[in-house]
Amino acid sequence: MHDFDLFVIGAGSAGVRAARTAAALGAKVAIAEDKQLGGTCVNVGCVPKKLYSYASQYSADFADARGFGWQLGQVSFDWATLRDNKIREISRLNGIYENLLLTAGVSVLTGRATLTSATTVKVHDQQYRARYILICSGGRPERPSFPGQHLTLSSDQIFDLPELPKRMLVLGAGYIGVEFAGIFAGLGVQTWLSWRSELPLRGFDEDVRKHFMAQAGKHCQMKPSSQVRALVNSSQGGLVASFVDNSTLEVDLVLAALGRAANVEGLGLANTTVELTASGHIAVDASFCTAETTIYAIGDVVGHKALTPVALAEAMLVVRQLFGTAPVTPLDYQGIATAVFAHPNIATVGLTESQAREQVRDVAIYETDFRPLRHTLSGRNERAYMKVVVDSQTDQVLGIHMVGEHVAEIMQGFAVAMTCGLRKAQLDATLGIHPTMAEELVTLRTRSR
């Protein structure tokens, strides 16, 4: 006997999709969330970050407009307006998520869910029995370990500041760090970006990393190969960061953007045989089943790819596997397109050049570095970069990488072509839309190396 066919822990993108889909397939479903509905993406990730990215771009747009004949008066930015409008929009989305769940017949429980066994979950003082349990508890910000780390803010806290700082230090140059550095620099904050290695965005194509660093360095101040040793309050009311090279920097705010860890604390995993990986994520097999045959886990908490579309796809796979009738095809994590909404934007799909050279005997690289047409009149010193990685023997396109304005929008269409087995000859046979940035990808005829 059980109270629910499926008990979902965490109402983020993965959890909500799984709960709604399972309910539509006839399962009796409950979902528990101890924060806002929608998880990281809706509340402290994709959605508010993109809204703030839009806001920060206007400063460059206003400057560009002069070269096209627009005479603008004095412009100013009001942080409170952006912040409060964002809060209202996120609240609206929270309501939509709740309505979607309730309309689907899902029981929505507010509170932290704790596993008490492989088939029971406790929320507050109430215990529920479930045929299956699905953990979708997502991630949490990593915290630094240096003295004074408590003075830093995490990406979860950065959206609702009471006022905009004048000077800001961002620690970490992954997705989160470079995006927020670009956002706050665009909003008029004097911004420094500090990270330990030589190039930002570890894991991306090396040429993309180099080009991005050169372009982003025009908007904020880069501090590669640097590491904060300690952080203290200054006598002027700010914060003083001391680096391992004995240099110091005084700012008003320090954002620790060091990545995200699996949100497993307080789940009660010790009451089960569920195991964790060396990275602290929940260990699952190809079907997302844990060491307990009744407990599954998906999304950021399993550490495959921390992307909302990936979490949604994993949710669909698990639910169809548990409650559907059609055969389930395992997910292919190789061809997933992604974007970094920094300034400038980055979009990528497939293999980097180094990955391709590890897997393929003869790799051909086609690339271009150019000044977009818009900036011939705007006067802005910004260049775009595009790169296509090809298997010379089969002509198959292994990877596409772009840096520049709106490249995420461009990449979505090319990601479809990659899924269909795109060949370089097909790119060459495609007529471009002129004049656009996207046409550069179908006019690359000369092999660069």
Protein backbone atom coordinates (compact mmCIF):
# COMPACT_ATOMS: atom_id res chain seq x y z
CA MET A 1 0.00 0.00 0.00
CA HIS A 2 1.18 3.52 -0.76
CA ASP A 3 -0.17 7.06 -0.66
CA PHE A 4 1.34 8.05 -4.01
CA ASP A 5 2.65 6.32 -7.11
CA LEU A 6 5.34 9.01 -7.39
CA PHE A 7 6.67 11.39 -4.78
CA VAL A 8 8.82 14.15 -6.27
CA ILE A 9 11.30 16.01 -4.07
CA GLY A 10 11.97 19.44 -5.54
CA ALA A 11 9.71 21.57 -7.73
CA GLY A 12 12.25 22.96 -10.16
CA SER A 13 12.17 22.41 -13.92
CA ALA A 14 12.82 18.68 -13.63
CA GLY A 15 10.44 18.04 -10.76
CA VAL A 16 7.51 19.99 -12.16
CA ARG A 17 7.83 18.37 -15.58
CA ALA A 18 8.07 14.90 -14.04
CA ALA A 19 5.09 15.45 -11.73
CA ARG A 20 2.82 16.85 -14.45
CA THR A 21 3.75 14.17 -16.98
CA ALA A 22 3.32 11.32 -14.51
CA ALA A 23 -0.07 12.66 -13.45
CA ALA A 24 -1.12 12.87 -17.11
CA LEU A 25 -0.22 9.18 -17.46
CA GLY A 26 -2.58 8.30 -14.62
CA ALA A 27 -0.17 8.21 -11.67
CA LYS A 28 -1.09 9.64 -8.28
CA VAL A 29 1.63 12.24 -7.67
CA ALA A 30 2.86 14.52 -4.89
CA ILE A 31 5.60 17.12 -5.10
CA ALA A 32 7.35 18.86 -2.20
CA GLU A 33 9.30 22.12 -2.33
CA ASP A 34 10.74 24.14 0.56
CA LYS A 35 11.40 27.27 -1.50
CA GLN A 36 9.66 28.89 -4.47
CA LEU A 37 8.16 26.78 -7.23
CA GLY A 38 10.26 26.73 -10.39
CA GLY A 39 13.61 26.01 -8.78
CA THR A 40 16.90 27.63 -9.71
CA CYS A 41 15.99 28.42 -13.31
CA VAL A 42 12.88 30.46 -12.56
CA ASN A 43 13.93 32.08 -9.30
CA VAL A 44 17.70 32.59 -9.20
CA GLY A 45 18.98 31.37 -12.56
CA CYS A 46 18.03 31.41 -16.22
CA VAL A 47 15.00 33.71 -16.14
CA PRO A 48 16.10 36.57 -13.83
CA LYS A 49 19.65 36.37 -15.19
CA LYS A 50 18.43 36.80 -18.76
CA LEU A 51 16.18 39.71 -17.75
CA TYR A 52 19.15 41.41 -16.10
CA SER A 53 21.28 40.65 -19.16
CA TYR A 54 18.72 42.41 -21.35
CA ALA A 55 18.80 45.40 -19.00
CA SER A 56 22.59 45.66 -19.05
CA GLN A 57 22.73 45.64 -22.86
CA TYR A 58 20.87 48.95 -23.13
CA SER A 59 23.91 50.97 -22.06
CA ALA A 60 25.77 49.75 -25.16
CA ASP A 61 22.68 50.21 -27.34
CA PHE A 62 22.31 53.84 -26.25
CA ALA A 63 25.96 54.46 -27.09
CA ASP A 64 25.65 52.69 -30.45
CA ALA A 65 22.60 54.74 -31.42
CA ARG A 66 24.63 57.93 -31.80
CA GLY A 67 26.46 56.54 -34.80
CA PHE A 68 23.10 55.99 -36.49
CA GLY A 69 21.93 59.56 -36.01
CA TRP A 70 20.00 59.27 -32.77
CA GLN A 71 20.60 62.20 -30.45
CA LEU A 72 19.91 60.99 -26.95
CA GLY A 73 19.55 63.13 -23.89
CA GLN A 74 21.03 62.18 -20.56
CA VAL A 75 20.14 58.59 -19.70
CA SER A 76 20.11 57.05 -16.24
CA PHE A 77 19.49 53.65 -14.74
CA ASP A 78 17.26 52.89 -11.75
CA TRP A 79 18.18 49.61 -10.10
CA ALA A 80 15.03 49.48 -7.97
CA THR A 81 12.80 49.54 -11.06
CA LEU A 82 14.59 46.60 -12.65
CA ARG A 83 14.72 44.64 -9.39
CA ASP A 84 11.07 45.15 -8.50
CA ASN A 85 9.81 44.44 -12.02
CA LYS A 86 11.84 41.24 -11.95
CA ILE A 87 10.31 40.28 -8.60
CA ARG A 88 6.81 40.75 -9.97
CA GLU A 89 7.58 38.67 -13.05
CA ILE A 90 9.08 35.81 -11.02
CA SER A 91 6.07 35.88 -8.68
CA ARG A 92 3.82 35.58 -11.73
CA LEU A 93 5.79 32.56 -12.94
CA ASN A 94 5.62 30.96 -9.48
CA GLY A 95 1.84 31.21 -9.70
CA ILE A 96 1.81 29.69 -13.18
CA TYR A 97 3.85 26.71 -11.97
CA GLU A 98 1.50 26.16 -9.05
CA ASN A 99 -1.52 26.32 -11.33
CA LEU A 100 0.04 23.86 -13.77
CA LEU A 101 0.63 21.35 -10.99
CA LEU A 102 -2.78 21.71 -9.38
CA THR A 103 -4.58 21.55 -12.73
CA ALA A 104 -2.72 18.32 -13.48
CA GLY A 105 -3.98 16.86 -10.20
CA VAL A 106 -0.62 16.89 -8.41
CA SER A 107 -0.63 17.30 -4.62
CA VAL A 108 1.65 20.25 -3.85
CA LEU A 109 3.34 20.15 -0.43
CA THR A 110 5.29 23.07 1.04
CA GLY A 111 8.32 22.08 3.09
CA ARG A 112 11.61 20.21 3.03
CA ALA A 113 11.08 16.56 2.16
CA THR A 114 13.25 14.02 4.00
CA LEU A 115 13.65 10.36 3.12
CA THR A 116 12.90 8.11 6.06
CA SER A 117 13.27 4.89 4.05
CA ALA A 118 13.41 3.75 0.43
CA THR A 119 9.65 4.16 0.13
CA THR A 120 8.69 6.81 2.69
CA VAL A 121 9.09 10.58 2.75
CA LYS A 122 8.47 12.97 5.62
CA VAL A 123 7.38 16.60 5.15
CA HIS A 124 7.12 18.45 8.46
CA ASP A 125 5.47 15.87 10.75
CA GLN A 126 3.56 14.03 8.06
CA GLN A 127 4.92 10.84 6.54
CA TYR A 128 3.96 9.62 3.06
CA ARG A 129 4.43 6.24 1.42
CA ALA A 130 5.35 6.11 -2.25
CA ARG A 131 5.80 3.46 -4.89
CA TYR A 132 8.59 5.52 -6.43
CA ILE A 133 10.52 8.56 -5.19
CA LEU A 134 12.16 11.01 -7.57
CA ILE A 135 14.83 13.36 -6.21
CA CYS A 136 15.05 16.67 -8.12
CA SER A 137 16.51 18.86 -5.39
CA GLY A 138 18.86 20.72 -7.78
CA GLY A 139 22.00 22.55 -6.79
CA ARG A 140 23.25 25.16 -4.36
CA PRO A 141 26.04 27.76 -4.66
CA GLU A 142 29.56 26.69 -3.75
CA ARG A 143 31.13 28.84 -1.05
CA PRO A 144 34.77 30.01 -0.87
CA SER A 145 36.98 28.83 1.98
CA PHE A 146 39.20 31.86 2.67
CA PRO A 147 38.95 33.98 5.85
CA GLY A 148 36.09 36.45 5.49
CA GLN A 149 34.16 34.29 3.03
CA HIS A 150 30.99 35.13 4.98
CA LEU A 151 31.26 38.65 3.58
CA THR A 152 30.69 37.41 0.02
CA LEU A 153 27.33 37.02 -1.66
CA SER A 154 26.29 34.04 -3.77
CA SER A 155 24.47 34.12 -7.09
CA ASP A 156 21.28 33.21 -5.20
CA GLN A 157 21.54 36.49 -3.28
CA ILE A 158 22.67 38.88 -6.01
CA PHE A 159 19.35 39.60 -7.71
CA ASP A 160 17.61 41.50 -4.93
CA LEU A 161 20.27 43.92 -3.67
CA PRO A 162 18.84 46.94 -1.83
CA GLU A 163 21.02 49.19 -3.99
CA LEU A 164 23.47 48.90 -6.88
CA PRO A 165 27.15 48.83 -5.82
CA LYS A 166 29.65 51.19 -7.43
CA ARG A 167 32.53 48.67 -7.36
CA MET A 168 32.25 44.91 -7.55
CA LEU A 169 34.58 41.90 -7.56
CA VAL A 170 33.38 38.65 -9.10
CA LEU A 171 35.21 35.47 -8.11
CA GLY A 172 35.11 32.66 -10.65
CA ALA A 173 35.02 32.69 -14.45
CA GLY A 174 32.60 29.90 -15.26
CA TYR A 175 29.11 30.46 -16.66
CA ILE A 176 27.86 32.30 -13.58
CA GLY A 177 30.89 34.50 -13.04
CA VAL A 178 31.29 35.81 -16.59
CA GLU A 179 27.55 36.39 -16.94
CA PHE A 180 27.24 38.47 -13.79
CA ALA A 181 30.45 40.36 -14.52
CA GLY A 182 28.97 41.37 -17.88
CA ILE A 183 25.61 42.23 -16.37
CA PHE A 184 26.90 44.53 -13.65
CA ALA A 185 29.50 46.15 -15.89
CA GLY A 186 26.70 46.93 -18.34
CA LEU A 187 24.65 48.46 -15.53
CA GLY A 188 27.48 50.89 -14.80
CA VAL A 189 29.26 49.08 -11.97
CA GLN A 190 33.07 49.14 -12.03
CA THR A 191 33.65 45.40 -12.21
CA TRP A 192 36.65 43.11 -11.74
CA LEU A 193 36.61 39.41 -12.68
CA SER A 194 39.08 37.19 -10.81
CA TRP A 195 39.84 33.52 -11.44
CA ARG A 196 42.70 31.09 -10.81
CA SER A 197 43.62 29.91 -14.31
CA GLU A 198 44.93 31.70 -17.39
CA LEU A 199 41.71 31.66 -19.41
CA PRO A 200 38.03 31.90 -18.38
CA LEU A 201 35.32 29.33 -19.07
CA ARG A 202 37.10 26.03 -18.53
CA GLY A 203 35.68 23.31 -20.76
CA PHE A 204 34.93 25.58 -23.71
CA ASP A 205 36.92 25.66 -26.94
CA GLU A 206 40.27 27.35 -26.33
CA ASP A 207 39.92 29.81 -29.21
CA VAL A 208 36.49 30.79 -27.92
CA ARG A 209 37.97 31.37 -24.47
CA LYS A 210 40.75 33.57 -25.86
CA HIS A 211 38.43 35.61 -28.05
CA PHE A 212 35.89 36.06 -25.26
CA MET A 213 38.55 37.21 -22.82
CA ALA A 214 39.79 39.84 -25.26
CA GLN A 215 36.30 41.18 -25.92
CA ALA A 216 34.95 40.98 -22.36
CA GLY A 217 38.07 42.77 -21.17
CA LYS A 218 36.75 45.88 -22.91
CA HIS A 219 33.81 45.96 -20.48
CA CYS A 220 35.23 44.78 -17.16
CA GLN A 221 38.71 44.45 -15.66
CA MET A 222 40.18 40.97 -15.92
CA LYS A 223 42.32 39.38 -13.19
CA PRO A 224 43.40 35.98 -14.55
CA SER A 225 45.65 33.67 -12.51
CA SER A 226 44.57 35.38 -9.31
CA GLN A 227 43.23 34.09 -6.02
CA VAL A 228 41.75 35.86 -3.01
CA ARG A 229 43.53 35.06 0.23
CA ALA A 230 41.22 36.93 2.61
CA LEU A 231 38.38 39.43 2.72
CA VAL A 232 37.84 42.06 5.40
CA ASN A 233 35.64 45.10 5.99
CA SER A 234 37.30 48.41 5.15
CA SER A 235 37.19 51.56 7.23
CA GLN A 236 35.32 53.25 4.38
CA GLY A 237 32.40 50.84 4.55
CA GLY A 238 33.48 48.63 1.69
CA LEU A 239 35.41 45.37 1.45
CA VAL A 240 39.13 44.83 0.95
CA ALA A 241 40.20 41.69 -0.89
CA SER A 242 43.77 40.51 -0.37
CA PHE A 243 45.22 38.30 -3.11
CA VAL A 244 47.91 35.64 -2.84
CA ASP A 245 50.30 37.89 -4.83
CA ASN A 246 49.99 40.44 -1.95
CA SER A 247 47.93 42.88 -4.02
CA THR A 248 44.69 44.31 -2.61
CA LEU A 249 41.47 45.63 -4.07
CA GLU A 250 38.75 47.63 -2.35
CA VAL A 251 35.19 47.17 -3.59
CA ASP A 252 31.63 47.48 -2.32
CA LEU A 253 30.53 43.93 -3.04
CA VAL A 254 32.13 40.55 -3.69
CA LEU A 255 30.20 37.90 -5.59
CA ALA A 256 31.40 34.32 -5.12
CA ALA A 257 30.50 32.61 -8.40
CA LEU A 258 32.43 29.40 -7.89
CA GLY A 259 29.88 27.01 -9.36
CA ARG A 260 27.11 24.95 -7.82
CA ALA A 261 27.12 21.74 -5.79
CA ALA A 262 24.45 19.08 -5.48
CA ASN A 263 21.74 20.07 -3.01
CA VAL A 264 21.68 16.87 -0.97
CA GLU A 265 21.96 18.19 2.57
CA GLY A 266 18.97 17.27 4.72
CA LEU A 267 17.50 14.79 2.24
CA GLY A 268 17.89 11.87 4.63
CA LEU A 269 19.99 9.82 2.23
CA ALA A 270 21.57 8.06 5.20
CA ASN A 271 18.22 6.37 5.77
CA THR A 272 18.62 4.63 2.42
CA THR A 273 21.38 2.91 0.44
CA VAL A 274 21.54 5.80 -2.06
CA GLU A 275 25.18 6.61 -2.83
CA LEU A 276 27.03 9.78 -3.77
CA THR A 277 29.73 10.17 -6.40
CA ALA A 278 33.18 11.59 -5.68
CA SER A 279 31.85 15.02 -6.72
CA GLY A 280 29.03 14.82 -4.19
CA HIS A 281 26.23 14.16 -6.70
CA ILE A 282 23.70 11.36 -6.37
CA ALA A 283 24.96 8.27 -8.18
CA VAL A 284 22.53 6.90 -10.78
CA ASP A 285 22.64 4.39 -13.61
CA ALA A 286 21.68 5.04 -17.26
CA SER A 287 18.02 4.88 -16.25
CA PHE A 288 18.55 7.42 -13.42
CA CYS A 289 17.92 4.76 -10.80
CA THR A 290 19.94 5.00 -7.59
CA ALA A 291 21.21 2.12 -5.49
CA GLU A 292 17.62 1.89 -4.20
CA THR A 293 15.37 0.47 -6.93
CA THR A 294 12.50 2.66 -5.75
CA ILE A 295 14.46 5.93 -5.76
CA TYR A 296 15.43 7.88 -8.89
CA ALA A 297 17.26 11.18 -9.30
CA ILE A 298 17.57 13.65 -12.18
CA GLY A 299 18.67 17.20 -12.97
CA ASP A 300 21.47 19.16 -11.35
CA VAL A 301 21.59 16.84 -8.35
CA VAL A 302 23.06 14.04 -10.53
CA GLY A 303 25.65 16.31 -12.17
CA HIS A 304 25.36 15.41 -15.85
CA LYS A 305 24.80 18.83 -17.46
CA ALA A 306 23.35 21.64 -15.38
CA LEU A 307 21.00 22.89 -18.08
CA THR A 308 17.23 23.28 -17.86
CA PRO A 309 16.47 21.50 -21.18
CA VAL A 310 18.59 18.57 -20.00
CA ALA A 311 16.64 18.37 -16.73
CA LEU A 312 13.36 18.42 -18.65
CA ALA A 313 14.52 15.66 -20.98
CA GLU A 314 15.67 13.52 -18.04
CA ALA A 315 12.28 14.01 -16.38
CA MET A 316 10.45 12.82 -19.47
CA LEU A 317 12.71 9.78 -19.77
CA VAL A 318 12.19 8.65 -16.18
CA VAL A 319 8.42 9.16 -16.19
CA ARG A 320 7.94 7.34 -19.48
CA GLN A 321 10.12 4.55 -18.15
CA LEU A 322 8.09 4.21 -14.94
CA PHE A 323 4.57 4.87 -16.19
CA GLY A 324 4.63 4.78 -19.98
CA THR A 325 4.37 1.92 -22.46
CA ALA A 326 6.61 2.98 -25.37
CA PRO A 327 10.34 2.07 -25.46
CA VAL A 328 12.62 4.71 -23.96
CA THR A 329 15.69 5.98 -25.83
CA PRO A 330 18.65 6.97 -23.61
CA LEU A 331 19.73 10.60 -23.73
CA ASP A 332 22.69 11.66 -25.87
CA TYR A 333 24.66 14.27 -23.93
CA GLN A 334 27.19 14.88 -26.74
CA GLY A 335 25.12 17.06 -29.06
CA ILE A 336 23.58 19.46 -26.55
CA ALA A 337 23.85 23.12 -27.53
CA THR A 338 24.44 25.69 -24.84
CA ALA A 339 24.90 29.44 -24.50
CA VAL A 340 26.61 31.81 -22.09
CA PHE A 341 24.71 35.08 -21.80
CA ALA A 342 27.77 37.11 -20.98
CA HIS A 343 28.91 40.22 -22.89
CA PRO A 344 29.56 39.18 -25.58
CA ASN A 345 27.40 36.06 -25.82
CA ILE A 346 28.85 32.61 -26.44
CA ALA A 347 27.06 29.71 -28.10
CA THR A 348 28.44 26.24 -28.75
CA VAL A 349 27.35 22.78 -29.85
CA GLY A 350 29.34 19.58 -30.28
CA LEU A 351 33.04 18.98 -29.76
CA THR A 352 35.73 21.53 -29.08
CA GLU A 353 38.82 21.41 -31.29
CA SER A 354 40.87 19.62 -28.64
CA GLN A 355 38.12 17.06 -28.03
CA ALA A 356 37.82 16.43 -31.77
CA ARG A 357 41.58 15.89 -32.15
CA GLU A 358 41.44 13.28 -29.38
CA GLN A 359 38.71 11.35 -31.20
CA VAL A 360 39.36 11.88 -34.92
CA ARG A 361 42.51 11.34 -37.00
CA ASP A 362 42.22 14.35 -39.33
CA VAL A 363 40.41 17.48 -38.13
CA ALA A 364 39.73 20.52 -40.31
CA ILE A 365 39.13 23.91 -38.73
CA TYR A 366 37.22 26.72 -40.44
CA GLU A 367 37.03 30.02 -38.57
CA THR A 368 36.43 33.72 -38.97
CA ASP A 369 37.03 36.79 -36.82
CA PHE A 370 35.23 39.90 -38.04
CA ARG A 371 33.70 43.22 -37.13
CA PRO A 372 29.90 42.99 -37.40
CA LEU A 373 28.27 45.40 -39.86
CA ARG A 374 26.44 47.20 -37.08
CA HIS A 375 29.66 48.38 -35.52
CA THR A 376 30.95 50.00 -38.71
CA LEU A 377 28.61 52.88 -37.75
CA SER A 378 28.27 52.39 -34.00
CA GLY A 379 32.01 52.79 -33.64
CA ARG A 380 32.13 50.08 -30.99
CA ASN A 381 35.39 48.14 -31.01
CA GLU A 382 33.88 44.67 -30.79
CA ARG A 383 34.57 41.65 -32.96
CA ALA A 384 32.70 38.38 -33.49
CA TYR A 385 34.23 34.94 -33.82
CA MET A 386 32.92 31.75 -35.42
CA LYS A 387 34.49 28.33 -35.72
CA VAL A 388 33.46 25.06 -37.37
CA VAL A 389 35.21 21.79 -36.46
CA VAL A 390 35.03 19.09 -39.16
CA ASP A 391 36.09 15.46 -39.52
CA SER A 392 38.10 15.65 -42.77
CA GLN A 393 37.55 12.00 -43.63
CA THR A 394 33.76 11.93 -43.29
CA ASP A 395 33.01 15.66 -43.78
CA GLN A 396 30.85 15.53 -40.65
CA VAL A 397 30.62 18.74 -38.64
CA LEU A 398 31.77 17.86 -35.12
CA GLY A 399 31.37 21.24 -33.46
CA ILE A 400 30.24 24.82 -34.01
CA HIS A 401 31.33 27.66 -31.74
CA MET A 402 30.41 31.36 -31.80
CA VAL A 403 31.13 34.52 -29.83
CA GLY A 404 29.15 37.70 -30.51
CA GLU A 405 25.77 39.37 -30.33
CA HIS A 406 22.67 37.14 -30.53
CA VAL A 407 24.72 34.00 -31.24
CA ALA A 408 22.48 31.92 -28.97
CA GLU A 409 19.54 32.65 -31.27
CA ILE A 410 21.66 31.71 -34.28
CA MET A 411 22.92 28.50 -32.71
CA GLN A 412 19.50 26.98 -32.05
CA GLY A 413 18.91 26.38 -35.76
CA PHE A 414 22.38 25.01 -36.35
CA ALA A 415 21.92 22.67 -33.36
CA VAL A 416 18.97 21.11 -35.20
CA ALA A 417 21.22 20.56 -38.23
CA MET A 418 23.87 18.99 -36.00
CA THR A 419 21.25 16.57 -34.63
CA CYS A 420 20.49 15.59 -38.23
CA GLY A 421 24.15 14.74 -38.94
CA LEU A 422 25.29 18.00 -40.56
CA ARG A 423 28.11 17.80 -43.12
CA LYS A 424 30.40 20.63 -44.15
CA ALA A 425 29.26 20.22 -47.77
CA GLN A 426 25.71 20.97 -46.64
CA LEU A 427 26.86 24.18 -45.02
CA ASP A 428 28.64 25.09 -48.25
CA ALA A 429 25.53 24.34 -50.32
CA THR A 430 23.33 26.59 -48.17
CA LEU A 431 22.79 30.16 -49.37
CA GLY A 432 23.23 32.73 -46.66
CA ILE A 433 20.81 35.44 -45.59
CA HIS A 434 22.58 38.69 -46.37
CA PRO A 435 23.59 40.77 -44.51
CA THR A 436 23.58 38.78 -41.29
CA MET A 437 26.14 37.43 -38.88
CA ALA A 438 24.71 33.92 -39.32
CA GLU A 439 25.65 33.80 -43.01
CA GLU A 440 29.30 33.66 -42.01
CA LEU A 441 28.80 30.03 -40.98
CA VAL A 442 27.70 29.01 -44.48
CA THR A 443 30.37 30.99 -46.31
CA LEU A 444 33.45 29.51 -44.63
CA ARG A 445 35.25 27.97 -47.60
CA THR A 446 38.93 28.18 -46.65
CA ARG A 447 40.36 25.71 -44.20
CA SER A 448 42.33 27.67 -41.60
CA ARG A 449 44.32 24.72 -40.27
